[in-house]
């Protein structure tokens, strides 16, 4: 099976051409867990299959490292755009990509070698209604609300960017023990579908620092949808301007919340790390009979 390892600000996934490599739906969770393993597999925050689509130019089928499905990945969708353009699957610099039924629109920036270096994504409208995020809270919005986690109380702002986020503002994000606190947020009873948690330190009105605990994966070097949720939460709490540069462990992502249109735009890099092949027989739960080419 052929694969490509890519990352957006260090948020790394294994990308597979779903039109060329046929894997049964039943086998995919096991395949994903094996490939994502950083000791016995390829290593990544998950696996993304790039499929044909009748709704958009391409489909992004995303899995977390634990084999669970996820709705959206901001860093991942930028890498999908780079994958399809750099490999000649399209010559268009404006693309539509659907993930879990939601279509996103992308603008590609190419370098002197005609390779994609940066991608701007219209991430759509932020969802603020608790029932739609989902978070088990009443009211029209969950902004600066208390939550008790691990014996302590935090204030969070909840946003969905196609997947659920809880944004928590802290004084020093570098001092956070995410390995301890992250899983407690992820599995908290307020979040029926679990949650991605962003811990955010305000630098100034246009810059913030953020670390993220992603459901099904753990701490990652970046989270595109998390950066979008962070920017929205910053504005809702009156902490920054509508344009924010979010500094994550793996780099920087620029976010703009156009409040007149109520649309969030994300701009950031996409990079290819390496390509390879792995024998189908080496992958647990993946048999040659369900993997092939077409």
C-alpha atoms as a PDB file:
ATOM      1  CA  UNK A   1       0.000   0.000   0.000  1.00  0.00           C
ATOM      2  CA  UNK A   2       1.391   3.382  -1.007  1.00  0.00           C
ATOM      3  CA  UNK A   3       1.202   6.319   1.392  1.00  0.00           C
ATOM      4  CA  UNK A   4       2.420   9.889   1.798  1.00  0.00           C
ATOM      5  CA  UNK A   5       3.423  11.399   5.139  1.00  0.00           C
ATOM      6  CA  UNK A   6       2.505  15.116   5.341  1.00  0.00           C
ATOM      7  CA  UNK A   7       2.133  17.774   8.022  1.00  0.00           C
ATOM      8  CA  UNK A   8       0.693  21.212   8.644  1.00  0.00           C
ATOM      9  CA  UNK A   9       2.692  22.963  11.376  1.00  0.00           C
ATOM     10  CA  UNK A  10       3.750  19.565  12.709  1.00  0.00           C
ATOM     11  CA  UNK A  11       0.218  18.118  12.796  1.00  0.00           C
ATOM     12  CA  UNK A  12       1.168  15.006  10.809  1.00  0.00           C
ATOM     13  CA  UNK A  13      -1.057  12.505   9.066  1.00  0.00           C
ATOM     14  CA  UNK A  14      -0.609   9.593   6.686  1.00  0.00           C
ATOM     15  CA  UNK A  15      -2.378  10.264   3.373  1.00  0.00           C
ATOM     16  CA  UNK A  16      -3.704   7.499   1.161  1.00  0.00           C
ATOM     17  CA  UNK A  17      -5.278   7.744  -2.299  1.00  0.00           C
ATOM     18  CA  UNK A  18      -8.629   6.102  -1.626  1.00  0.00           C
ATOM     19  CA  UNK A  19      -9.296   5.657  -5.351  1.00  0.00           C
ATOM     20  CA  UNK A  20      -6.143   3.571  -5.778  1.00  0.00           C
ATOM     21  CA  UNK A  21      -6.010   1.686  -2.473  1.00  0.00           C
ATOM     22  CA  UNK A  22      -9.269  -0.087  -1.634  1.00  0.00           C
ATOM     23  CA  UNK A  23      -9.656  -0.910   2.054  1.00  0.00           C
ATOM     24  CA  UNK A  24     -12.904  -2.159   3.546  1.00  0.00           C
ATOM     25  CA  UNK A  25     -14.711   0.051   6.049  1.00  0.00           C
ATOM     26  CA  UNK A  26     -14.475  -2.722   8.644  1.00  0.00           C
ATOM     27  CA  UNK A  27     -10.690  -2.893   8.274  1.00  0.00           C
ATOM     28  CA  UNK A  28      -9.973   0.845   8.310  1.00  0.00           C
ATOM     29  CA  UNK A  29      -9.875   1.400  12.118  1.00  0.00           C
ATOM     30  CA  UNK A  30      -7.267  -1.348  12.534  1.00  0.00           C
ATOM     31  CA  UNK A  31      -5.278  -0.110   9.549  1.00  0.00           C
ATOM     32  CA  UNK A  32      -5.346   3.432  10.969  1.00  0.00           C
ATOM     33  CA  UNK A  33      -4.174   2.356  14.429  1.00  0.00           C
ATOM     34  CA  UNK A  34      -1.293   0.395  12.940  1.00  0.00           C
ATOM     35  CA  UNK A  35      -0.164   3.087  10.509  1.00  0.00           C
ATOM     36  CA  UNK A  36      -0.424   5.849  13.134  1.00  0.00           C
ATOM     37  CA  UNK A  37       1.736   3.992  15.660  1.00  0.00           C
ATOM     38  CA  UNK A  38       5.060   5.839  15.913  1.00  0.00           C
ATOM     39  CA  UNK A  39       6.977   2.718  16.984  1.00  0.00           C
ATOM     40  CA  UNK A  40       5.540  -0.109  14.880  1.00  0.00           C
ATOM     41  CA  UNK A  41       3.865   1.734  11.996  1.00  0.00           C
ATOM     42  CA  UNK A  42       4.562   4.828   9.918  1.00  0.00           C
ATOM     43  CA  UNK A  43       3.739   7.282  12.703  1.00  0.00           C
ATOM     44  CA  UNK A  44       1.226  10.117  12.671  1.00  0.00           C
ATOM     45  CA  UNK A  45      -1.689  11.845  14.374  1.00  0.00           C
ATOM     46  CA  UNK A  46      -4.027   9.781  12.209  1.00  0.00           C
ATOM     47  CA  UNK A  47      -4.784   8.727   8.639  1.00  0.00           C
ATOM     48  CA  UNK A  48      -6.613  10.637   5.897  1.00  0.00           C
ATOM     49  CA  UNK A  49      -8.035   8.923   2.814  1.00  0.00           C
ATOM     50  CA  UNK A  50      -8.451  11.132  -0.259  1.00  0.00           C
ATOM     51  CA  UNK A  51     -11.473   9.933  -2.215  1.00  0.00           C
ATOM     52  CA  UNK A  52     -13.475  10.930  -5.305  1.00  0.00           C
ATOM     53  CA  UNK A  53     -16.620  12.916  -4.557  1.00  0.00           C
ATOM     54  CA  UNK A  54     -19.883  13.854  -6.240  1.00  0.00           C
ATOM     55  CA  UNK A  55     -20.364  16.783  -3.818  1.00  0.00           C
ATOM     56  CA  UNK A  56     -16.973  18.472  -4.266  1.00  0.00           C
ATOM     57  CA  UNK A  57     -13.685  18.159  -6.133  1.00  0.00           C
ATOM     58  CA  UNK A  58     -12.417  15.636  -3.558  1.00  0.00           C
ATOM     59  CA  UNK A  59     -13.453  13.998  -0.297  1.00  0.00           C
ATOM     60  CA  UNK A  60     -11.334  13.941   2.863  1.00  0.00           C
ATOM     61  CA  UNK A  61     -12.062  10.861   5.001  1.00  0.00           C
ATOM     62  CA  UNK A  62     -10.317  11.479   8.302  1.00  0.00           C
ATOM     63  CA  UNK A  63      -9.431   9.101  11.154  1.00  0.00           C
ATOM     64  CA  UNK A  64      -7.822   9.832  14.511  1.00  0.00           C
ATOM     65  CA  UNK A  65      -4.834   7.802  15.659  1.00  0.00           C
ATOM     66  CA  UNK A  66      -7.066   5.575  17.805  1.00  0.00           C
ATOM     67  CA  UNK A  67      -9.064   4.533  14.736  1.00  0.00           C
ATOM     68  CA  UNK A  68     -12.098   6.719  15.450  1.00  0.00           C
ATOM     69  CA  UNK A  69     -13.616   8.918  12.753  1.00  0.00           C
ATOM     70  CA  UNK A  70     -13.396  12.690  12.938  1.00  0.00           C
ATOM     71  CA  UNK A  71     -15.363  15.311  11.075  1.00  0.00           C
ATOM     72  CA  UNK A  72     -12.746  17.918  10.160  1.00  0.00           C
ATOM     73  CA  UNK A  73      -9.044  18.715  10.392  1.00  0.00           C
ATOM     74  CA  UNK A  74      -7.836  22.171   9.366  1.00  0.00           C
ATOM     75  CA  UNK A  75      -4.206  21.148   8.944  1.00  0.00           C
ATOM     76  CA  UNK A  76      -5.276  17.955   7.220  1.00  0.00           C
ATOM     77  CA  UNK A  77      -7.456  19.648   4.633  1.00  0.00           C
ATOM     78  CA  UNK A  78      -4.599  21.969   3.645  1.00  0.00           C
ATOM     79  CA  UNK A  79      -2.400  18.913   3.092  1.00  0.00           C
ATOM     80  CA  UNK A  80      -5.124  17.244   1.015  1.00  0.00           C
ATOM     81  CA  UNK A  81      -5.075  20.295  -1.249  1.00  0.00           C
ATOM     82  CA  UNK A  82      -1.298  20.071  -1.587  1.00  0.00           C
ATOM     83  CA  UNK A  83      -1.476  16.328  -2.251  1.00  0.00           C
ATOM     84  CA  UNK A  84      -3.979  16.534  -5.107  1.00  0.00           C
ATOM     85  CA  UNK A  85      -2.278  19.541  -6.750  1.00  0.00           C
ATOM     86  CA  UNK A  86       1.330  18.410  -6.390  1.00  0.00           C
ATOM     87  CA  UNK A  87       0.471  14.926  -7.706  1.00  0.00           C
ATOM     88  CA  UNK A  88      -1.369  16.329 -10.721  1.00  0.00           C
ATOM     89  CA  UNK A  89      -4.817  15.090  -9.704  1.00  0.00           C
ATOM     90  CA  UNK A  90      -5.983  18.650 -10.401  1.00  0.00           C
ATOM     91  CA  UNK A  91      -4.530  21.797 -11.935  1.00  0.00           C
ATOM     92  CA  UNK A  92      -6.983  24.092 -10.179  1.00  0.00           C
ATOM     93  CA  UNK A  93      -5.804  26.521  -7.506  1.00  0.00           C
ATOM     94  CA  UNK A  94      -9.286  26.928  -6.096  1.00  0.00           C
ATOM     95  CA  UNK A  95     -10.740  23.692  -4.781  1.00  0.00           C
ATOM     96  CA  UNK A  96     -13.713  22.326  -2.903  1.00  0.00           C
ATOM     97  CA  UNK A  97     -13.178  19.448  -0.467  1.00  0.00           C
ATOM     98  CA  UNK A  98     -15.918  17.693   1.481  1.00  0.00           C
ATOM     99  CA  UNK A  99     -15.416  16.035   4.856  1.00  0.00           C
ATOM    100  CA  UNK A 100     -18.219  14.371   6.821  1.00  0.00           C
ATOM    101  CA  UNK A 101     -20.772  16.077   4.587  1.00  0.00           C
ATOM    102  CA  UNK A 102     -19.387  19.622   4.998  1.00  0.00           C
ATOM    103  CA  UNK A 103     -17.822  21.272   1.939  1.00  0.00           C
ATOM    104  CA  UNK A 104     -14.884  23.655   2.427  1.00  0.00           C
ATOM    105  CA  UNK A 105     -13.412  25.998  -0.191  1.00  0.00           C
ATOM    106  CA  UNK A 106      -9.666  26.457  -0.550  1.00  0.00           C
ATOM    107  CA  UNK A 107      -7.246  28.835  -2.286  1.00  0.00           C
ATOM    108  CA  UNK A 108      -3.795  27.432  -3.078  1.00  0.00           C
ATOM    109  CA  UNK A 109      -0.505  29.366  -3.145  1.00  0.00           C
ATOM    110  CA  UNK A 110       2.261  27.704  -5.177  1.00  0.00           C
ATOM    111  CA  UNK A 111       6.022  28.268  -5.156  1.00  0.00           C
ATOM    112  CA  UNK A 112       8.509  28.644  -8.013  1.00  0.00           C
ATOM    113  CA  UNK A 113       8.555  24.869  -8.519  1.00  0.00           C
ATOM    114  CA  UNK A 114       4.738  24.871  -8.913  1.00  0.00           C
ATOM    115  CA  UNK A 115       4.270  23.086  -5.595  1.00  0.00           C
ATOM    116  CA  UNK A 116       1.731  24.178  -3.002  1.00  0.00           C
ATOM    117  CA  UNK A 117       3.362  26.035  -0.111  1.00  0.00           C
ATOM    118  CA  UNK A 118       0.364  27.586   1.645  1.00  0.00           C
ATOM    119  CA  UNK A 119      -3.396  27.175   1.633  1.00  0.00           C
ATOM    120  CA  UNK A 120      -6.226  29.485   2.683  1.00  0.00           C
ATOM    121  CA  UNK A 121      -9.402  27.700   3.747  1.00  0.00           C
ATOM    122  CA  UNK A 122     -12.896  29.077   4.182  1.00  0.00           C
ATOM    123  CA  UNK A 123     -13.760  27.076   7.296  1.00  0.00           C
ATOM    124  CA  UNK A 124     -17.376  28.240   7.334  1.00  0.00           C
ATOM    125  CA  UNK A 125     -19.474  29.515  10.200  1.00  0.00           C
ATOM    126  CA  UNK A 126     -18.503  28.853  13.800  1.00  0.00           C
ATOM    127  CA  UNK A 127     -21.213  26.964  15.663  1.00  0.00           C
ATOM    128  CA  UNK A 128     -21.902  28.429  19.105  1.00  0.00           C
ATOM    129  CA  UNK A 129     -25.200  26.827  20.147  1.00  0.00           C
ATOM    130  CA  UNK A 130     -24.349  24.292  22.891  1.00  0.00           C
ATOM    131  CA  UNK A 131     -26.664  21.565  21.586  1.00  0.00           C
ATOM    132  CA  UNK A 132     -25.014  21.707  18.159  1.00  0.00           C
ATOM    133  CA  UNK A 133     -21.381  21.630  19.379  1.00  0.00           C
ATOM    134  CA  UNK A 134     -22.350  19.428  21.339  1.00  0.00           C
ATOM    135  CA  UNK A 135     -21.885  20.366  24.986  1.00  0.00           C
ATOM    136  CA  UNK A 136     -24.461  19.607  27.672  1.00  0.00           C
ATOM    137  CA  UNK A 137     -25.143  23.208  28.675  1.00  0.00           C
ATOM    138  CA  UNK A 138     -28.221  25.390  28.324  1.00  0.00           C
ATOM    139  CA  UNK A 139     -28.471  28.802  26.695  1.00  0.00           C
ATOM    140  CA  UNK A 140     -27.621  30.209  23.284  1.00  0.00           C
ATOM    141  CA  UNK A 141     -23.837  30.212  23.807  1.00  0.00           C
ATOM    142  CA  UNK A 142     -21.272  28.669  26.128  1.00  0.00           C
ATOM    143  CA  UNK A 143     -18.896  31.624  26.615  1.00  0.00           C
ATOM    144  CA  UNK A 144     -16.656  31.899  29.691  1.00  0.00           C
ATOM    145  CA  UNK A 145     -18.572  29.216  31.557  1.00  0.00           C
ATOM    146  CA  UNK A 146     -17.162  27.252  34.522  1.00  0.00           C
ATOM    147  CA  UNK A 147     -16.167  23.597  34.325  1.00  0.00           C
ATOM    148  CA  UNK A 148     -14.733  21.441  37.091  1.00  0.00           C
ATOM    149  CA  UNK A 149     -11.949  19.163  35.916  1.00  0.00           C
ATOM    150  CA  UNK A 150      -9.530  17.151  38.044  1.00  0.00           C
ATOM    151  CA  UNK A 151     -10.500  18.874  41.252  1.00  0.00           C
ATOM    152  CA  UNK A 152     -10.031  22.382  39.835  1.00  0.00           C
ATOM    153  CA  UNK A 153     -12.303  24.911  38.165  1.00  0.00           C
ATOM    154  CA  UNK A 154     -11.631  26.365  34.722  1.00  0.00           C
ATOM    155  CA  UNK A 155     -13.472  28.821  32.471  1.00  0.00           C
ATOM    156  CA  UNK A 156     -14.151  27.618  28.953  1.00  0.00           C
ATOM    157  CA  UNK A 157     -15.693  28.853  25.727  1.00  0.00           C
ATOM    158  CA  UNK A 158     -17.140  26.171  23.464  1.00  0.00           C
ATOM    159  CA  UNK A 159     -17.109  26.348  19.665  1.00  0.00           C
ATOM    160  CA  UNK A 160     -17.655  23.856  16.870  1.00  0.00           C
ATOM    161  CA  UNK A 161     -15.760  24.220  13.599  1.00  0.00           C
ATOM    162  CA  UNK A 162     -17.270  20.986  12.290  1.00  0.00           C
ATOM    163  CA  UNK A 163     -15.876  19.270  15.410  1.00  0.00           C
ATOM    164  CA  UNK A 164     -16.221  20.201  19.092  1.00  0.00           C
ATOM    165  CA  UNK A 165     -13.755  22.472  20.921  1.00  0.00           C
ATOM    166  CA  UNK A 166     -13.412  23.801  24.451  1.00  0.00           C
ATOM    167  CA  UNK A 167     -11.113  26.849  24.661  1.00  0.00           C
ATOM    168  CA  UNK A 168      -9.558  27.568  28.059  1.00  0.00           C
ATOM    169  CA  UNK A 169      -7.509  30.720  28.742  1.00  0.00           C
ATOM    170  CA  UNK A 170      -4.451  30.344  30.989  1.00  0.00           C
ATOM    171  CA  UNK A 171      -1.642  32.581  32.228  1.00  0.00           C
ATOM    172  CA  UNK A 172       1.248  30.415  31.000  1.00  0.00           C
ATOM    173  CA  UNK A 173       0.446  27.719  28.476  1.00  0.00           C
ATOM    174  CA  UNK A 174       3.948  26.282  28.724  1.00  0.00           C
ATOM    175  CA  UNK A 175       3.331  25.221  32.326  1.00  0.00           C
ATOM    176  CA  UNK A 176       0.229  23.148  31.511  1.00  0.00           C
ATOM    177  CA  UNK A 177       0.494  19.393  32.113  1.00  0.00           C
ATOM    178  CA  UNK A 178      -1.583  18.320  29.122  1.00  0.00           C
ATOM    179  CA  UNK A 179      -0.874  14.631  29.618  1.00  0.00           C
ATOM    180  CA  UNK A 180      -2.691  14.869  32.934  1.00  0.00           C
ATOM    181  CA  UNK A 181      -5.442  17.413  32.264  1.00  0.00           C
ATOM    182  CA  UNK A 182      -6.128  16.754  28.564  1.00  0.00           C
ATOM    183  CA  UNK A 183      -7.810  13.342  28.945  1.00  0.00           C
ATOM    184  CA  UNK A 184      -9.992  14.688  31.769  1.00  0.00           C
ATOM    185  CA  UNK A 185     -11.378  17.382  29.468  1.00  0.00           C
ATOM    186  CA  UNK A 186     -11.706  14.987  26.526  1.00  0.00           C
ATOM    187  CA  UNK A 187     -13.838  12.501  28.428  1.00  0.00           C
ATOM    188  CA  UNK A 188     -15.757  14.972  30.590  1.00  0.00           C
ATOM    189  CA  UNK A 189     -19.462  14.228  30.996  1.00  0.00           C
ATOM    190  CA  UNK A 190     -20.399  17.605  29.472  1.00  0.00           C
ATOM    191  CA  UNK A 191     -19.142  16.429  26.061  1.00  0.00           C
ATOM    192  CA  UNK A 192     -21.202  13.539  24.637  1.00  0.00           C
ATOM    193  CA  UNK A 193     -18.885  13.182  21.629  1.00  0.00           C
ATOM    194  CA  UNK A 194     -15.699  13.949  23.574  1.00  0.00           C
ATOM    195  CA  UNK A 195     -13.917  17.247  22.878  1.00  0.00           C
ATOM    196  CA  UNK A 196     -10.737  18.869  21.595  1.00  0.00           C
ATOM    197  CA  UNK A 197      -9.337  21.241  24.230  1.00  0.00           C
ATOM    198  CA  UNK A 198      -7.261  24.348  23.497  1.00  0.00           C
ATOM    199  CA  UNK A 199      -5.227  25.988  26.263  1.00  0.00           C
ATOM    200  CA  UNK A 200      -4.551  29.572  25.220  1.00  0.00           C
ATOM    201  CA  UNK A 201      -2.221  32.313  26.452  1.00  0.00           C
ATOM    202  CA  UNK A 202      -2.865  35.867  25.208  1.00  0.00           C
ATOM    203  CA  UNK A 203       0.293  37.604  23.955  1.00  0.00           C
ATOM    204  CA  UNK A 204      -1.324  40.774  22.608  1.00  0.00           C
ATOM    205  CA  UNK A 205      -4.405  41.816  20.631  1.00  0.00           C
ATOM    206  CA  UNK A 206      -3.188  40.026  17.475  1.00  0.00           C
ATOM    207  CA  UNK A 207      -1.088  37.131  18.794  1.00  0.00           C
ATOM    208  CA  UNK A 208      -1.787  34.177  21.073  1.00  0.00           C
ATOM    209  CA  UNK A 209      -0.019  30.962  22.075  1.00  0.00           C
ATOM    210  CA  UNK A 210      -1.953  27.708  22.065  1.00  0.00           C
ATOM    211  CA  UNK A 211      -1.461  24.060  22.986  1.00  0.00           C
ATOM    212  CA  UNK A 212      -4.072  21.480  22.107  1.00  0.00           C
ATOM    213  CA  UNK A 213      -5.250  18.101  23.351  1.00  0.00           C
ATOM    214  CA  UNK A 214      -7.042  16.384  20.464  1.00  0.00           C
ATOM    215  CA  UNK A 215      -9.647  13.721  21.147  1.00  0.00           C
ATOM    216  CA  UNK A 216      -8.528  10.303  20.025  1.00  0.00           C
ATOM    217  CA  UNK A 217      -4.926  11.409  19.547  1.00  0.00           C
ATOM    218  CA  UNK A 218      -3.523  13.385  22.500  1.00  0.00           C
ATOM    219  CA  UNK A 219      -1.380  16.504  22.365  1.00  0.00           C
ATOM    220  CA  UNK A 220      -0.440  17.473  18.809  1.00  0.00           C
ATOM    221  CA  UNK A 221       1.887  20.162  17.483  1.00  0.00           C
ATOM    222  CA  UNK A 222      -1.012  22.009  15.834  1.00  0.00           C
ATOM    223  CA  UNK A 223      -4.755  21.870  15.224  1.00  0.00           C
ATOM    224  CA  UNK A 224      -6.263  23.944  12.425  1.00  0.00           C
ATOM    225  CA  UNK A 225      -9.848  23.795  13.626  1.00  0.00           C
ATOM    226  CA  UNK A 226      -8.530  24.423  17.132  1.00  0.00           C
ATOM    227  CA  UNK A 227      -6.830  27.595  15.934  1.00  0.00           C
ATOM    228  CA  UNK A 228     -10.126  28.705  14.389  1.00  0.00           C
ATOM    229  CA  UNK A 229     -12.029  27.955  17.591  1.00  0.00           C
ATOM    230  CA  UNK A 230      -9.339  29.780  19.576  1.00  0.00           C
ATOM    231  CA  UNK A 231      -9.672  32.931  17.473  1.00  0.00           C
ATOM    232  CA  UNK A 232     -13.471  32.890  17.773  1.00  0.00           C
ATOM    233  CA  UNK A 233     -13.261  32.390  21.538  1.00  0.00           C
ATOM    234  CA  UNK A 234     -10.726  35.224  21.856  1.00  0.00           C
ATOM    235  CA  UNK A 235     -13.060  37.620  20.050  1.00  0.00           C
ATOM    236  CA  UNK A 236     -16.130  36.482  22.008  1.00  0.00           C
ATOM    237  CA  UNK A 237     -14.266  37.180  25.249  1.00  0.00           C
ATOM    238  CA  UNK A 238     -13.003  40.575  24.035  1.00  0.00           C
ATOM    239  CA  UNK A 239      -9.349  39.528  24.194  1.00  0.00           C
ATOM    240  CA  UNK A 240      -8.135  40.043  20.606  1.00  0.00           C
ATOM    241  CA  UNK A 241      -8.957  41.595  17.251  1.00  0.00           C
ATOM    242  CA  UNK A 242     -10.789  39.653  14.547  1.00  0.00           C
ATOM    243  CA  UNK A 243      -7.459  38.762  12.877  1.00  0.00           C
ATOM    244  CA  UNK A 244      -5.231  36.596  15.064  1.00  0.00           C
ATOM    245  CA  UNK A 245      -1.953  34.737  14.571  1.00  0.00           C
ATOM    246  CA  UNK A 246      -2.052  31.561  16.630  1.00  0.00           C
ATOM    247  CA  UNK A 247       1.374  30.259  17.624  1.00  0.00           C
ATOM    248  CA  UNK A 248       1.301  26.501  18.144  1.00  0.00           C
ATOM    249  CA  UNK A 249       4.147  24.141  18.962  1.00  0.00           C
ATOM    250  CA  UNK A 250       4.694  23.440  15.255  1.00  0.00           C
ATOM    251  CA  UNK A 251       4.502  26.963  13.810  1.00  0.00           C
ATOM    252  CA  UNK A 252       1.966  29.698  13.176  1.00  0.00           C
ATOM    253  CA  UNK A 253      -1.507  29.734  11.629  1.00  0.00           C
ATOM    254  CA  UNK A 254      -3.322  32.931  10.685  1.00  0.00           C
ATOM    255  CA  UNK A 255      -7.040  33.145  11.440  1.00  0.00           C
ATOM    256  CA  UNK A 256      -9.590  35.795  10.431  1.00  0.00           C
ATOM    257  CA  UNK A 257     -13.180  35.813  11.672  1.00  0.00           C
ATOM    258  CA  UNK A 258     -15.164  37.912   9.216  1.00  0.00           C
ATOM    259  CA  UNK A 259     -18.023  38.733  11.562  1.00  0.00           C
ATOM    260  CA  UNK A 260     -20.020  40.540   8.874  1.00  0.00           C
ATOM    261  CA  UNK A 261     -20.171  37.339   6.813  1.00  0.00           C
ATOM    262  CA  UNK A 262     -19.791  35.165   9.941  1.00  0.00           C
ATOM    263  CA  UNK A 263     -17.100  33.107   8.217  1.00  0.00           C
ATOM    264  CA  UNK A 264     -13.754  31.946   9.582  1.00  0.00           C
ATOM    265  CA  UNK A 265     -10.707  31.873   7.278  1.00  0.00           C
ATOM    266  CA  UNK A 266      -7.577  29.881   8.078  1.00  0.00           C
ATOM    267  CA  UNK A 267      -4.225  30.328   6.296  1.00  0.00           C
ATOM    268  CA  UNK A 268      -1.220  28.121   6.912  1.00  0.00           C
ATOM    269  CA  UNK A 269       1.490  25.900   5.417  1.00  0.00           C
ATOM    270  CA  UNK A 270       1.351  22.343   4.117  1.00  0.00           C
ATOM    271  CA  UNK A 271       4.411  20.139   3.659  1.00  0.00           C
ATOM    272  CA  UNK A 272       5.283  16.678   2.371  1.00  0.00           C
ATOM    273  CA  UNK A 273       7.651  14.697   4.613  1.00  0.00           C
ATOM    274  CA  UNK A 274       8.178  11.486   2.646  1.00  0.00           C
ATOM    275  CA  UNK A 275       6.453   8.787   0.613  1.00  0.00           C
ATOM    276  CA  UNK A 276       6.620   5.032   0.950  1.00  0.00           C
ATOM    277  CA  UNK A 277       5.036   1.634   0.611  1.00  0.00           C
ATOM    278  CA  UNK A 278       4.075  -0.932   3.234  1.00  0.00           C
ATOM    279  CA  UNK A 279       3.204  -4.605   2.609  1.00  0.00           C
ATOM    280  CA  UNK A 280      -0.508  -5.228   3.079  1.00  0.00           C
ATOM    281  CA  UNK A 281       0.267  -8.435   4.958  1.00  0.00           C
ATOM    282  CA  UNK A 282       2.128  -6.452   7.631  1.00  0.00           C
ATOM    283  CA  UNK A 283      -1.016  -4.506   8.540  1.00  0.00           C
ATOM    284  CA  UNK A 284      -3.303  -6.108  11.154  1.00  0.00           C
ATOM    285  CA  UNK A 285      -6.902  -6.599   9.953  1.00  0.00           C
ATOM    286  CA  UNK A 286      -5.942  -5.643   6.383  1.00  0.00           C
ATOM    287  CA  UNK A 287      -5.975  -8.585   3.976  1.00  0.00           C
ATOM    288  CA  UNK A 288      -4.981  -8.538   0.302  1.00  0.00           C
ATOM    289  CA  UNK A 289      -8.529  -9.506  -0.618  1.00  0.00           C
ATOM    290  CA  UNK A 290      -9.885  -6.124   0.506  1.00  0.00           C
ATOM    291  CA  UNK A 291      -7.016  -4.000  -0.746  1.00  0.00           C
ATOM    292  CA  UNK A 292      -6.217  -3.401  -4.362  1.00  0.00           C
ATOM    293  CA  UNK A 293      -6.109  -0.916  -7.184  1.00  0.00           C
ATOM    294  CA  UNK A 294      -8.662   0.494  -9.561  1.00  0.00           C
END
